[in-house]
Amino acid sequence: MKDNNIISKYTREAGISITRDSRRGLHSLRHTLAGTLLEQGASLNDVRNILGHLNTKSTSQYLRIDYKNLKHCTLDPEEVFYNE
């Protein structure tokens, strides 16, 4: 049985309702794991190793869901536009 079929089977058995538009399956589990690891302070390299990616370019897609650390990357528009 394929991974997605196993996940679908247990999702149904657990009574979890999933719409066609929602993310599901193995990708959803990996996405959640990556987000949780980043939220808890794991490095991008650690996430890469855990997910089995060959390089961090593949893993960097998960940085966009790391809201806790993205807040540290904000720019002040006043500084950007008026500080020449």
C-alpha atoms as a PDB file:
ATOM      1  CA  MET A   1       0.000   0.000   0.000  1.00  0.00           C
ATOM      2  CA  LYS A   2       1.368   3.439  -0.956  1.00  0.00           C
ATOM      3  CA  ASP A   3       2.094   6.029   1.752  1.00  0.00           C
ATOM      4  CA  ASN A   4      -0.786   8.274   0.678  1.00  0.00           C
ATOM      5  CA  ASN A   5      -3.212   5.365   0.726  1.00  0.00           C
ATOM      6  CA  ILE A   6      -2.105   4.424   4.253  1.00  0.00           C
ATOM      7  CA  ILE A   7      -2.542   7.998   5.426  1.00  0.00           C
ATOM      8  CA  SER A   8      -5.961   8.248   3.765  1.00  0.00           C
ATOM      9  CA  LYS A   9      -7.036   4.980   5.373  1.00  0.00           C
ATOM     10  CA  TYR A  10      -6.119   6.064   8.895  1.00  0.00           C
ATOM     11  CA  THR A  11      -7.526   9.545   8.355  1.00  0.00           C
ATOM     12  CA  ARG A  12     -10.900   8.013   7.481  1.00  0.00           C
ATOM     13  CA  GLU A  13     -10.712   5.574  10.404  1.00  0.00           C
ATOM     14  CA  ALA A  14     -10.003   8.485  12.749  1.00  0.00           C
ATOM     15  CA  GLY A  15     -13.116  10.237  11.470  1.00  0.00           C
ATOM     16  CA  ILE A  16     -11.186  13.229  10.165  1.00  0.00           C
ATOM     17  CA  SER A  17     -13.026  15.038   7.405  1.00  0.00           C
ATOM     18  CA  ILE A  18     -10.823  16.379   4.631  1.00  0.00           C
ATOM     19  CA  THR A  19     -12.173  18.513   1.798  1.00  0.00           C
ATOM     20  CA  ARG A  20     -10.792  18.355  -1.725  1.00  0.00           C
ATOM     21  CA  ASP A  21      -9.227  21.788  -1.301  1.00  0.00           C
ATOM     22  CA  SER A  22      -7.308  20.958   1.875  1.00  0.00           C
ATOM     23  CA  ARG A  23      -3.786  19.625   1.929  1.00  0.00           C
ATOM     24  CA  ARG A  24      -3.500  16.005   2.851  1.00  0.00           C
ATOM     25  CA  GLY A  25      -1.260  13.021   2.618  1.00  0.00           C
ATOM     26  CA  LEU A  26       2.420  12.522   3.160  1.00  0.00           C
ATOM     27  CA  HIS A  27       3.311  16.001   1.896  1.00  0.00           C
ATOM     28  CA  SER A  28       1.074  17.536   4.542  1.00  0.00           C
ATOM     29  CA  LEU A  29       2.783  15.528   7.284  1.00  0.00           C
ATOM     30  CA  ARG A  30       6.246  16.549   6.048  1.00  0.00           C
ATOM     31  CA  HIS A  31       5.131  20.185   5.815  1.00  0.00           C
ATOM     32  CA  THR A  32       3.824  20.115   9.386  1.00  0.00           C
ATOM     33  CA  LEU A  33       6.995  18.438  10.644  1.00  0.00           C
ATOM     34  CA  ALA A  34       9.219  21.032   8.950  1.00  0.00           C
ATOM     35  CA  GLY A  35       7.161  23.898  10.363  1.00  0.00           C
ATOM     36  CA  THR A  36       7.216  22.447  13.857  1.00  0.00           C
ATOM     37  CA  LEU A  37      10.975  21.877  13.739  1.00  0.00           C
ATOM     38  CA  LEU A  38      11.634  25.452  12.607  1.00  0.00           C
ATOM     39  CA  GLU A  39       9.246  26.828  15.223  1.00  0.00           C
ATOM     40  CA  GLN A  40      11.179  24.957  17.903  1.00  0.00           C
ATOM     41  CA  GLY A  41      14.494  26.407  16.751  1.00  0.00           C
ATOM     42  CA  ALA A  42      15.889  23.691  14.490  1.00  0.00           C
ATOM     43  CA  SER A  43      18.282  24.934  11.833  1.00  0.00           C
ATOM     44  CA  LEU A  44      17.446  24.672   8.150  1.00  0.00           C
ATOM     45  CA  ASN A  45      20.241  22.126   7.848  1.00  0.00           C
ATOM     46  CA  ASP A  46      18.668  20.002  10.607  1.00  0.00           C
ATOM     47  CA  VAL A  47      15.312  20.093   8.813  1.00  0.00           C
ATOM     48  CA  ARG A  48      17.057  19.165   5.553  1.00  0.00           C
ATOM     49  CA  ASN A  49      18.652  16.133   7.169  1.00  0.00           C
ATOM     50  CA  ILE A  50      15.436  14.978   8.855  1.00  0.00           C
ATOM     51  CA  LEU A  51      13.395  15.302   5.657  1.00  0.00           C
ATOM     52  CA  GLY A  52      16.130  13.678   3.602  1.00  0.00           C
ATOM     53  CA  HIS A  53      16.664  16.543   1.166  1.00  0.00           C
ATOM     54  CA  LEU A  54      19.952  16.585  -0.705  1.00  0.00           C
ATOM     55  CA  ASN A  55      20.378  20.350  -0.420  1.00  0.00           C
ATOM     56  CA  THR A  56      18.932  23.259   1.513  1.00  0.00           C
ATOM     57  CA  LYS A  57      17.419  24.772  -1.637  1.00  0.00           C
ATOM     58  CA  SER A  58      14.684  22.127  -1.480  1.00  0.00           C
ATOM     59  CA  THR A  59      14.199  22.746   2.233  1.00  0.00           C
ATOM     60  CA  SER A  60      14.160  26.542   2.008  1.00  0.00           C
ATOM     61  CA  GLN A  61      10.500  26.465   0.877  1.00  0.00           C
ATOM     62  CA  TYR A  62       9.578  25.781   4.497  1.00  0.00           C
ATOM     63  CA  LEU A  63      11.090  29.079   5.683  1.00  0.00           C
ATOM     64  CA  ARG A  64       7.988  30.929   4.445  1.00  0.00           C
ATOM     65  CA  ILE A  65       5.884  29.174   7.111  1.00  0.00           C
ATOM     66  CA  ASP A  66       8.246  30.025   9.974  1.00  0.00           C
ATOM     67  CA  TYR A  67       6.237  33.056  11.120  1.00  0.00           C
ATOM     68  CA  LYS A  68       8.023  33.296  14.464  1.00  0.00           C
ATOM     69  CA  ASN A  69      11.374  33.954  12.819  1.00  0.00           C
ATOM     70  CA  LEU A  70       9.994  35.857   9.809  1.00  0.00           C
ATOM     71  CA  LYS A  71       9.001  38.639  12.200  1.00  0.00           C
ATOM     72  CA  HIS A  72      12.708  39.322  12.688  1.00  0.00           C
ATOM     73  CA  CYS A  73      13.098  40.019   8.956  1.00  0.00           C
ATOM     74  CA  THR A  74      10.657  42.910   8.700  1.00  0.00           C
ATOM     75  CA  LEU A  75      11.813  46.229   7.293  1.00  0.00           C
ATOM     76  CA  ASP A  76      10.772  49.689   8.345  1.00  0.00           C
ATOM     77  CA  PRO A  77       9.441  51.367   5.169  1.00  0.00           C
ATOM     78  CA  GLU A  78      10.547  54.771   6.479  1.00  0.00           C
ATOM     79  CA  GLU A  79      14.135  53.562   6.670  1.00  0.00           C
ATOM     80  CA  VAL A  80      14.036  51.890   3.275  1.00  0.00           C
ATOM     81  CA  PHE A  81      12.473  54.738   1.294  1.00  0.00           C
ATOM     82  CA  TYR A  82      13.818  57.802   3.087  1.00  0.00           C
ATOM     83  CA  ASN A  83      17.302  56.806   4.159  1.00  0.00           C
ATOM     84  CA  GLU A  84      19.529  57.470   1.174  1.00  0.00           C
END
